[in-house]
Amino acid sequence: MSFSLDDLAALIKARRRDDASKSYTKSLFDAGPPRIAKKFGEEAVEAVIAAMGDDRKELTMEAADVLYHLLVLLEAKDIALAEVVQELERRTSQSGLAEKASRGAGS
């Protein structure tokens, strides 16, 4: 089986039209971007906590939650995964230190 982040992004996009009583994804969309962002943050913290331990399975599961909630947030804000990938591609054209410096001192 081959499943990609593009596949997940497409599935999330399709779930915007689902019934919230049958779709967790749709219930997130109905709650709005602030709630989705909060859930993403919660999942990110859980991933950090998992990363501090030795349980690979737990970190894998939390990382999946982070990616899922990030893609829901991006969809809610009408930002395509391809736009994020394009930004990553732009950044890889220079060293990480040069890229960070180009964003300014506040980044």
Protein backbone atom coordinates (compact mmCIF):
# COMPACT_ATOMS: atom_id res chain seq x y z
CA MET A 1 0.00 0.00 0.00
CA SER A 2 1.31 3.41 -0.90
CA PHE A 3 -0.18 6.34 1.02
CA SER A 4 1.21 9.86 0.86
CA LEU A 5 0.66 13.19 2.55
CA ASP A 6 -0.93 14.28 -0.74
CA ASP A 7 -3.45 11.44 -0.32
CA LEU A 8 -4.17 12.53 3.24
CA ALA A 9 -4.57 16.17 2.19
CA ALA A 10 -7.05 15.13 -0.53
CA LEU A 11 -9.01 13.02 1.95
CA ILE A 12 -9.14 15.92 4.42
CA LYS A 13 -10.35 18.25 1.67
CA ALA A 14 -13.12 15.81 0.77
CA ARG A 15 -14.18 15.50 4.41
CA ARG A 16 -15.12 19.20 4.48
CA ARG A 17 -18.37 18.11 2.84
CA ASP A 18 -19.14 15.29 5.28
CA ASP A 19 -21.66 15.23 8.10
CA ALA A 20 -20.05 16.35 11.35
CA SER A 21 -21.87 13.61 13.25
CA LYS A 22 -19.97 11.03 11.18
CA SER A 23 -16.64 12.78 10.60
CA TYR A 24 -14.14 14.01 13.18
CA THR A 25 -12.46 16.01 10.42
CA LYS A 26 -15.71 17.80 9.56
CA SER A 27 -16.31 18.55 13.24
CA LEU A 28 -12.91 20.24 13.35
CA PHE A 29 -13.77 22.34 10.30
CA ASP A 30 -17.07 23.32 11.89
CA ALA A 31 -15.23 24.39 15.06
CA GLY A 32 -13.03 26.73 13.00
CA PRO A 33 -9.33 27.53 12.63
CA PRO A 34 -8.75 28.62 16.25
CA ARG A 35 -9.95 25.23 17.55
CA ILE A 36 -7.98 23.37 14.88
CA ALA A 37 -4.86 25.36 15.78
CA LYS A 38 -5.35 24.55 19.47
CA LYS A 39 -5.71 20.85 18.68
CA PHE A 40 -2.59 20.99 16.47
CA GLY A 41 -0.68 22.59 19.35
CA GLU A 42 -1.86 19.94 21.80
CA GLU A 43 -0.73 17.20 19.44
CA ALA A 44 2.64 18.89 18.92
CA VAL A 45 3.22 19.00 22.67
CA GLU A 46 2.28 15.32 22.93
CA ALA A 47 4.81 14.54 20.19
CA VAL A 48 7.52 16.44 22.06
CA ILE A 49 6.75 14.52 25.23
CA ALA A 50 6.81 11.22 23.31
CA ALA A 51 10.14 12.19 21.73
CA MET A 52 11.66 12.57 25.17
CA GLY A 53 10.89 8.94 25.92
CA ASP A 54 12.04 5.70 24.36
CA ASP A 55 8.75 4.44 22.89
CA ARG A 56 9.12 4.58 19.08
CA LYS A 57 5.51 3.49 18.54
CA GLU A 58 4.18 6.30 20.73
CA LEU A 59 6.24 8.91 18.88
CA THR A 60 5.13 7.48 15.54
CA MET A 61 1.49 7.75 16.58
CA GLU A 62 1.90 11.29 17.91
CA ALA A 63 3.76 12.35 14.75
CA ALA A 64 0.85 11.03 12.69
CA ASP A 65 -1.54 13.12 14.81
CA VAL A 66 0.63 16.21 14.30
CA LEU A 67 0.75 15.76 10.52
CA TYR A 68 -2.99 15.12 10.32
CA HIS A 69 -3.93 18.17 12.39
CA LEU A 70 -1.45 20.37 10.51
CA LEU A 71 -3.04 19.34 7.21
CA VAL A 72 -6.52 20.06 8.60
CA LEU A 73 -5.31 23.50 9.72
CA LEU A 74 -3.76 24.23 6.33
CA GLU A 75 -6.97 23.20 4.57
CA ALA A 76 -9.04 25.36 6.91
CA LYS A 77 -6.83 28.31 5.99
CA ASP A 78 -6.96 27.45 2.26
CA ILE A 79 -3.26 26.68 2.06
CA ALA A 80 -2.43 23.73 -0.17
CA LEU A 81 0.18 21.20 0.90
CA ALA A 82 1.89 21.95 -2.41
CA GLU A 83 2.47 25.54 -1.24
CA VAL A 84 4.26 24.27 1.87
CA VAL A 85 6.32 21.84 -0.18
CA GLN A 86 7.21 24.67 -2.56
CA GLU A 87 8.40 26.77 0.39
CA LEU A 88 10.50 23.85 1.64
CA GLU A 89 11.99 23.46 -1.83
CA ARG A 90 12.83 27.18 -1.89
CA ARG A 91 14.54 26.89 1.45
CA THR A 92 16.66 23.93 0.43
CA SER A 93 18.29 26.00 -2.28
CA GLN A 94 20.52 27.51 0.40
CA SER A 95 22.02 26.42 3.69
CA GLY A 96 19.74 26.29 6.69
CA LEU A 97 21.75 28.96 8.47
CA ALA A 98 21.59 31.32 5.47
CA GLU A 99 17.86 30.71 5.12
CA LYS A 100 17.25 31.42 8.80
CA ALA A 101 19.33 34.61 8.60
CA SER A 102 17.32 35.77 5.59
CA ARG A 103 14.14 35.69 7.72
CA GLY A 104 15.54 38.28 10.13
CA ALA A 105 16.60 38.30 13.74
CA GLY A 106 13.07 37.71 15.11
CA SER A 107 12.64 34.25 13.61
